[in-house]
Amino acid sequence: MAGTPEPYAVVSCHVERILDDRLWKSYRSLIDDRPGGFAIASLVRPPDEGSGEDSAVWLERVRRLRGPLGHHTHWTAPDHARPLDGVETGERVVGEAAWLREQGLTPTCFCGGGWYWDASVAAACAALGYVDCTPRARRPPRLAEGEAWAELGSPAVVATEAGSLLAIPTTHSLGELARATFRPRGFADVVVHGYFHDTDILDSRRRRALVAALTVLGRRRRPIGLDDLAAALRGEVETVSWNHVARGRPVDHPE
């Protein structure tokens, strides 16, 4: 990054159960309160009509969200985030994006379910003009040895088959954010990107921990929305190859 970068911080949520009435009410109140001054980016999983999810209710609620809107893909099922062998992952991203745009929604960022990432996903995101938040600063927990993911310590442009892709890696889970609040130098990253799941806030203790962590983070770093951060970073970060970021073995694609 050119010069001395600002100590920015962004926050995103993987919104996976927007049709749960209790969760929807809790999440709406959280993003409206803007803890720490953050405009929380909602990375929303499209409805799975095969599982009986109501797309009309889903759309009504998504249209009421405030803050940046993102696209979050569960590759197999609502309760199965990572893809099975033979799944055309890039095509899945493109197909879901087309449906979202047909509904008048224009997500600007993306995160693959289960932190899954491969060359076709990266190319699809580049072609769609997304900012990719799938890369992680550290290996995702609970991944089996050899499973595919993306590693990136700071924002960068990733070169893909479909062009350049700005990636703003996810650096802190809710637990990591909460632990960092108790250390004076706990937020050492130049750009902190904290994330949580919507289901986290159903537990009152985890919701309080999240609000406390974001309040502290907002004092130690400049709160900024994902879209605004992306605009600030364009032309200011280095370009890296896809191989520089990719880790593990992607799912097998049919010939």
Protein backbone atom coordinates (compact mmCIF):
# COMPACT_ATOMS: atom_id res chain seq x y z
CA MET A 1 0.00 0.00 0.00
CA ALA A 2 1.41 3.39 -0.93
CA GLY A 3 2.40 5.74 1.89
CA THR A 4 1.18 5.22 5.44
CA PRO A 5 -2.27 3.58 5.38
CA GLU A 6 -5.01 4.69 7.71
CA PRO A 7 -5.77 2.27 10.58
CA TYR A 8 -9.15 1.34 9.14
CA ALA A 9 -11.57 -1.23 10.50
CA VAL A 10 -14.61 -2.82 8.86
CA VAL A 11 -17.21 -5.28 10.11
CA SER A 12 -19.31 -7.80 8.20
CA CYS A 13 -21.92 -10.37 9.12
CA HIS A 14 -22.69 -13.67 7.41
CA VAL A 15 -26.49 -13.45 7.36
CA GLU A 16 -27.73 -17.00 7.01
CA ARG A 17 -31.08 -17.12 8.83
CA ILE A 18 -32.83 -13.95 7.83
CA LEU A 19 -36.17 -15.81 7.73
CA ASP A 20 -35.97 -16.55 11.46
CA ASP A 21 -38.32 -13.91 12.93
CA ARG A 22 -36.54 -13.61 16.29
CA LEU A 23 -33.13 -13.42 14.67
CA TRP A 24 -34.28 -10.91 12.09
CA LYS A 25 -35.57 -8.55 14.78
CA SER A 26 -32.35 -8.87 16.78
CA TYR A 27 -30.13 -8.31 13.75
CA ARG A 28 -32.08 -5.29 12.54
CA SER A 29 -31.74 -3.63 15.93
CA LEU A 30 -28.01 -4.33 15.98
CA ILE A 31 -27.23 -2.83 12.58
CA ASP A 32 -29.49 0.14 13.27
CA ASP A 33 -27.59 0.83 16.53
CA ARG A 34 -24.22 0.88 14.66
CA PRO A 35 -22.06 -0.21 17.63
CA GLY A 36 -18.65 1.43 17.51
CA GLY A 37 -19.88 3.61 14.65
CA PHE A 38 -19.73 0.71 12.17
CA ALA A 39 -21.97 0.36 9.14
CA ILE A 40 -22.07 -3.44 9.28
CA ALA A 41 -21.96 -5.13 5.88
CA SER A 42 -24.64 -7.80 5.52
CA LEU A 43 -23.33 -10.72 3.46
CA VAL A 44 -26.59 -12.49 2.76
CA ARG A 45 -27.15 -16.08 1.64
CA PRO A 46 -29.80 -16.22 -1.13
CA PRO A 47 -32.94 -18.21 -0.30
CA ASP A 48 -32.95 -21.93 -1.04
CA GLU A 49 -36.41 -22.61 -2.42
CA GLY A 50 -35.66 -26.34 -2.57
CA SER A 51 -35.54 -26.23 1.23
CA GLY A 52 -38.82 -24.33 1.44
CA GLU A 53 -37.35 -20.89 2.10
CA ASP A 54 -39.76 -18.08 1.21
CA SER A 55 -38.10 -15.80 -1.35
CA ALA A 56 -40.79 -13.11 -1.01
CA VAL A 57 -40.20 -12.66 2.72
CA TRP A 58 -36.45 -12.92 2.15
CA LEU A 59 -36.56 -10.09 -0.40
CA GLU A 60 -38.73 -7.88 1.79
CA ARG A 61 -36.25 -8.18 4.64
CA VAL A 62 -33.09 -7.79 2.59
CA ARG A 63 -34.46 -4.59 1.07
CA ARG A 64 -34.78 -3.17 4.58
CA LEU A 65 -31.14 -3.77 5.50
CA ARG A 66 -28.88 -0.79 6.06
CA GLY A 67 -25.20 -0.64 5.23
CA PRO A 68 -23.21 -2.41 2.49
CA LEU A 69 -24.87 -5.47 0.96
CA GLY A 70 -22.90 -8.59 0.14
CA HIS A 71 -23.43 -12.01 -1.43
CA HIS A 72 -22.73 -15.09 0.68
CA THR A 73 -22.91 -18.52 -0.95
CA HIS A 74 -23.60 -21.83 0.75
CA TRP A 75 -22.40 -24.24 -1.88
CA THR A 76 -24.47 -27.30 -0.98
CA ALA A 77 -27.42 -26.46 1.29
CA PRO A 78 -28.49 -23.93 3.93
CA ASP A 79 -26.85 -26.11 6.58
CA HIS A 80 -23.89 -27.25 4.42
CA ALA A 81 -21.59 -24.36 3.52
CA ARG A 82 -18.78 -26.07 1.60
CA PRO A 83 -19.16 -27.63 -1.88
CA LEU A 84 -19.25 -31.29 -2.77
CA ASP A 85 -17.13 -32.77 -5.55
CA GLY A 86 -18.46 -31.95 -9.00
CA VAL A 87 -20.08 -28.64 -8.02
CA GLU A 88 -19.46 -25.86 -10.54
CA THR A 89 -18.62 -23.21 -7.98
CA GLY A 90 -17.98 -20.28 -10.31
CA GLU A 91 -21.23 -20.94 -12.15
CA ARG A 92 -23.04 -21.05 -8.82
CA VAL A 93 -21.78 -17.56 -7.95
CA VAL A 94 -22.75 -16.17 -11.37
CA GLY A 95 -26.20 -17.77 -11.24
CA GLU A 96 -26.99 -16.46 -7.77
CA ALA A 97 -25.71 -13.01 -8.71
CA ALA A 98 -27.97 -12.94 -11.76
CA TRP A 99 -30.99 -13.80 -9.59
CA LEU A 100 -30.08 -11.10 -7.06
CA ARG A 101 -29.80 -8.49 -9.79
CA GLU A 102 -33.11 -9.56 -11.28
CA GLN A 103 -34.65 -8.67 -7.91
CA GLY A 104 -33.09 -5.21 -8.03
CA LEU A 105 -30.35 -6.02 -5.51
CA THR A 106 -26.76 -4.99 -6.23
CA PRO A 107 -24.37 -6.65 -3.77
CA THR A 108 -20.87 -5.25 -3.85
CA CYS A 109 -18.90 -7.82 -1.85
CA PHE A 110 -18.69 -11.59 -1.56
CA CYS A 111 -17.71 -14.34 0.86
CA GLY A 112 -17.78 -18.04 0.08
CA GLY A 113 -19.47 -20.34 2.57
CA GLY A 114 -17.07 -22.34 4.70
CA TRP A 115 -14.32 -19.97 3.45
CA TYR A 116 -14.21 -21.99 0.22
CA TRP A 117 -12.26 -20.39 -2.66
CA ASP A 118 -10.96 -21.56 -6.00
CA ALA A 119 -9.91 -20.07 -9.36
CA SER A 120 -13.42 -20.18 -10.84
CA VAL A 121 -14.89 -18.41 -7.80
CA ALA A 122 -12.21 -15.72 -7.96
CA ALA A 123 -12.81 -15.22 -11.68
CA ALA A 124 -16.58 -15.02 -11.18
CA CYS A 125 -16.16 -12.39 -8.47
CA ALA A 126 -13.81 -10.37 -10.68
CA ALA A 127 -16.26 -10.50 -13.59
CA LEU A 128 -19.10 -9.38 -11.31
CA GLY A 129 -17.09 -6.48 -9.90
CA TYR A 130 -17.27 -7.82 -6.36
CA VAL A 131 -14.85 -7.14 -3.53
CA ASP A 132 -13.87 -10.56 -2.17
CA CYS A 133 -13.83 -11.08 1.60
CA THR A 134 -13.27 -14.85 1.44
CA PRO A 135 -9.49 -14.77 2.01
CA ARG A 136 -8.44 -15.12 5.64
CA ALA A 137 -5.42 -13.76 7.47
CA ARG A 138 -5.10 -17.15 9.19
CA ARG A 139 -6.23 -20.69 8.43
CA PRO A 140 -9.96 -21.11 9.15
CA PRO A 141 -10.61 -23.35 12.13
CA ARG A 142 -12.02 -26.84 11.65
CA LEU A 143 -10.89 -27.22 8.03
CA ALA A 144 -9.62 -30.70 7.25
CA GLU A 145 -6.07 -31.02 5.96
CA GLY A 146 -5.83 -30.06 2.29
CA GLU A 147 -9.22 -28.33 2.00
CA ALA A 148 -9.28 -25.27 -0.21
CA TRP A 149 -9.20 -21.74 1.22
CA ALA A 150 -7.47 -18.42 0.54
CA GLU A 151 -4.76 -16.76 2.65
CA LEU A 152 -4.12 -13.04 2.54
CA GLY A 153 -2.75 -10.89 5.35
CA SER A 154 -3.77 -7.47 4.05
CA PRO A 155 -5.87 -6.02 1.21
CA ALA A 156 -4.54 -6.73 -2.27
CA VAL A 157 -5.62 -7.04 -5.88
CA VAL A 158 -5.68 -10.67 -7.01
CA ALA A 159 -5.03 -11.39 -10.67
CA THR A 160 -7.65 -13.82 -12.04
CA GLU A 161 -8.57 -15.23 -15.45
CA ALA A 162 -11.37 -12.67 -15.66
CA GLY A 163 -9.37 -9.65 -14.53
CA SER A 164 -8.41 -7.95 -11.30
CA LEU A 165 -10.19 -8.73 -8.04
CA LEU A 166 -9.87 -6.51 -4.98
CA ALA A 167 -9.72 -8.67 -1.86
CA ILE A 168 -10.19 -7.36 1.68
CA PRO A 169 -9.36 -10.37 3.85
CA THR A 170 -11.27 -11.28 6.98
CA THR A 171 -8.87 -10.93 9.91
CA HIS A 172 -10.87 -11.41 13.13
CA SER A 173 -13.69 -13.70 14.19
CA LEU A 174 -16.00 -12.60 17.03
CA GLY A 175 -13.86 -14.52 19.51
CA GLU A 176 -10.66 -12.93 18.22
CA LEU A 177 -12.22 -9.47 18.38
CA ALA A 178 -13.36 -10.03 21.97
CA ARG A 179 -9.94 -11.29 23.06
CA ALA A 180 -8.17 -8.39 21.37
CA THR A 181 -10.18 -5.84 23.38
CA PHE A 182 -8.34 -6.94 26.54
CA ARG A 183 -4.89 -6.31 25.04
CA PRO A 184 -3.62 -2.75 24.59
CA ARG A 185 -2.04 -3.69 21.25
CA GLY A 186 -4.61 -6.29 20.36
CA PHE A 187 -5.53 -4.71 17.03
CA ALA A 188 -2.14 -4.64 15.35
CA ASP A 189 -3.41 -5.23 11.81
CA VAL A 190 -3.37 -2.17 9.53
CA VAL A 191 -6.85 -3.06 8.27
CA VAL A 192 -8.97 -4.97 10.77
CA HIS A 193 -11.91 -6.85 9.24
CA GLY A 194 -14.05 -8.42 11.93
CA TYR A 195 -16.91 -10.76 11.14
CA PHE A 196 -19.63 -12.65 12.94
CA HIS A 197 -22.61 -14.84 12.07
CA ASP A 198 -26.16 -13.62 12.60
CA THR A 199 -26.77 -16.64 14.82
CA ASP A 200 -24.10 -15.34 17.24
CA ILE A 201 -26.40 -12.60 18.48
CA LEU A 202 -29.12 -15.00 19.60
CA ASP A 203 -26.93 -15.68 22.63
CA SER A 204 -27.16 -12.60 24.88
CA ARG A 205 -23.61 -13.04 26.15
CA ARG A 206 -22.16 -13.24 22.65
CA ARG A 207 -24.18 -10.22 21.56
CA ARG A 208 -22.86 -8.21 24.51
CA ALA A 209 -19.32 -9.37 23.72
CA LEU A 210 -19.74 -8.29 20.09
CA VAL A 211 -21.07 -4.85 21.00
CA ALA A 212 -18.25 -4.34 23.54
CA ALA A 213 -15.61 -5.45 21.04
CA LEU A 214 -16.93 -3.17 18.30
CA THR A 215 -17.13 -0.24 20.72
CA VAL A 216 -13.44 -0.67 21.59
CA LEU A 217 -12.48 -1.32 17.98
CA GLY A 218 -14.24 1.87 16.93
CA ARG A 219 -12.02 3.83 19.31
CA ARG A 220 -8.76 2.24 18.20
CA ARG A 221 -9.37 2.18 14.46
CA ARG A 222 -11.26 4.37 12.02
CA PRO A 223 -14.69 2.77 11.40
CA ILE A 224 -15.48 2.58 7.71
CA GLY A 225 -17.94 0.68 5.54
CA LEU A 226 -16.69 -2.01 3.17
CA ASP A 227 -17.74 -0.05 0.10
CA ASP A 228 -15.96 3.10 1.27
CA LEU A 229 -12.85 1.13 2.19
CA ALA A 230 -12.80 -0.51 -1.23
CA ALA A 231 -12.97 2.92 -2.87
CA ALA A 232 -10.11 4.16 -0.68
CA LEU A 233 -7.92 1.15 -1.47
CA ARG A 234 -8.29 0.99 -5.25
CA GLY A 235 -4.99 1.87 -6.86
CA GLU A 236 -3.25 1.83 -3.48
CA VAL A 237 -2.60 -1.89 -2.92
CA GLU A 238 -0.25 -4.38 -4.53
CA THR A 239 -1.30 -6.97 -7.09
CA VAL A 240 -0.65 -10.63 -6.34
CA SER A 241 -1.18 -13.83 -8.32
CA TRP A 242 -3.99 -16.28 -7.64
CA ASN A 243 -1.37 -18.88 -6.66
CA HIS A 244 -0.03 -16.48 -4.05
CA VAL A 245 -3.39 -16.56 -2.27
CA ALA A 246 -4.77 -20.07 -2.90
CA ARG A 247 -4.31 -22.84 -0.34
CA GLY A 248 -5.40 -26.47 -0.36
CA ARG A 249 -7.11 -28.50 -3.05
CA PRO A 250 -10.27 -27.23 -4.79
CA VAL A 251 -13.19 -29.59 -5.32
CA ASP A 252 -12.99 -31.74 -8.43
CA HIS A 253 -14.89 -30.35 -11.41
CA PRO A 254 -16.43 -32.60 -14.07
CA GLU A 255 -14.64 -32.80 -17.41
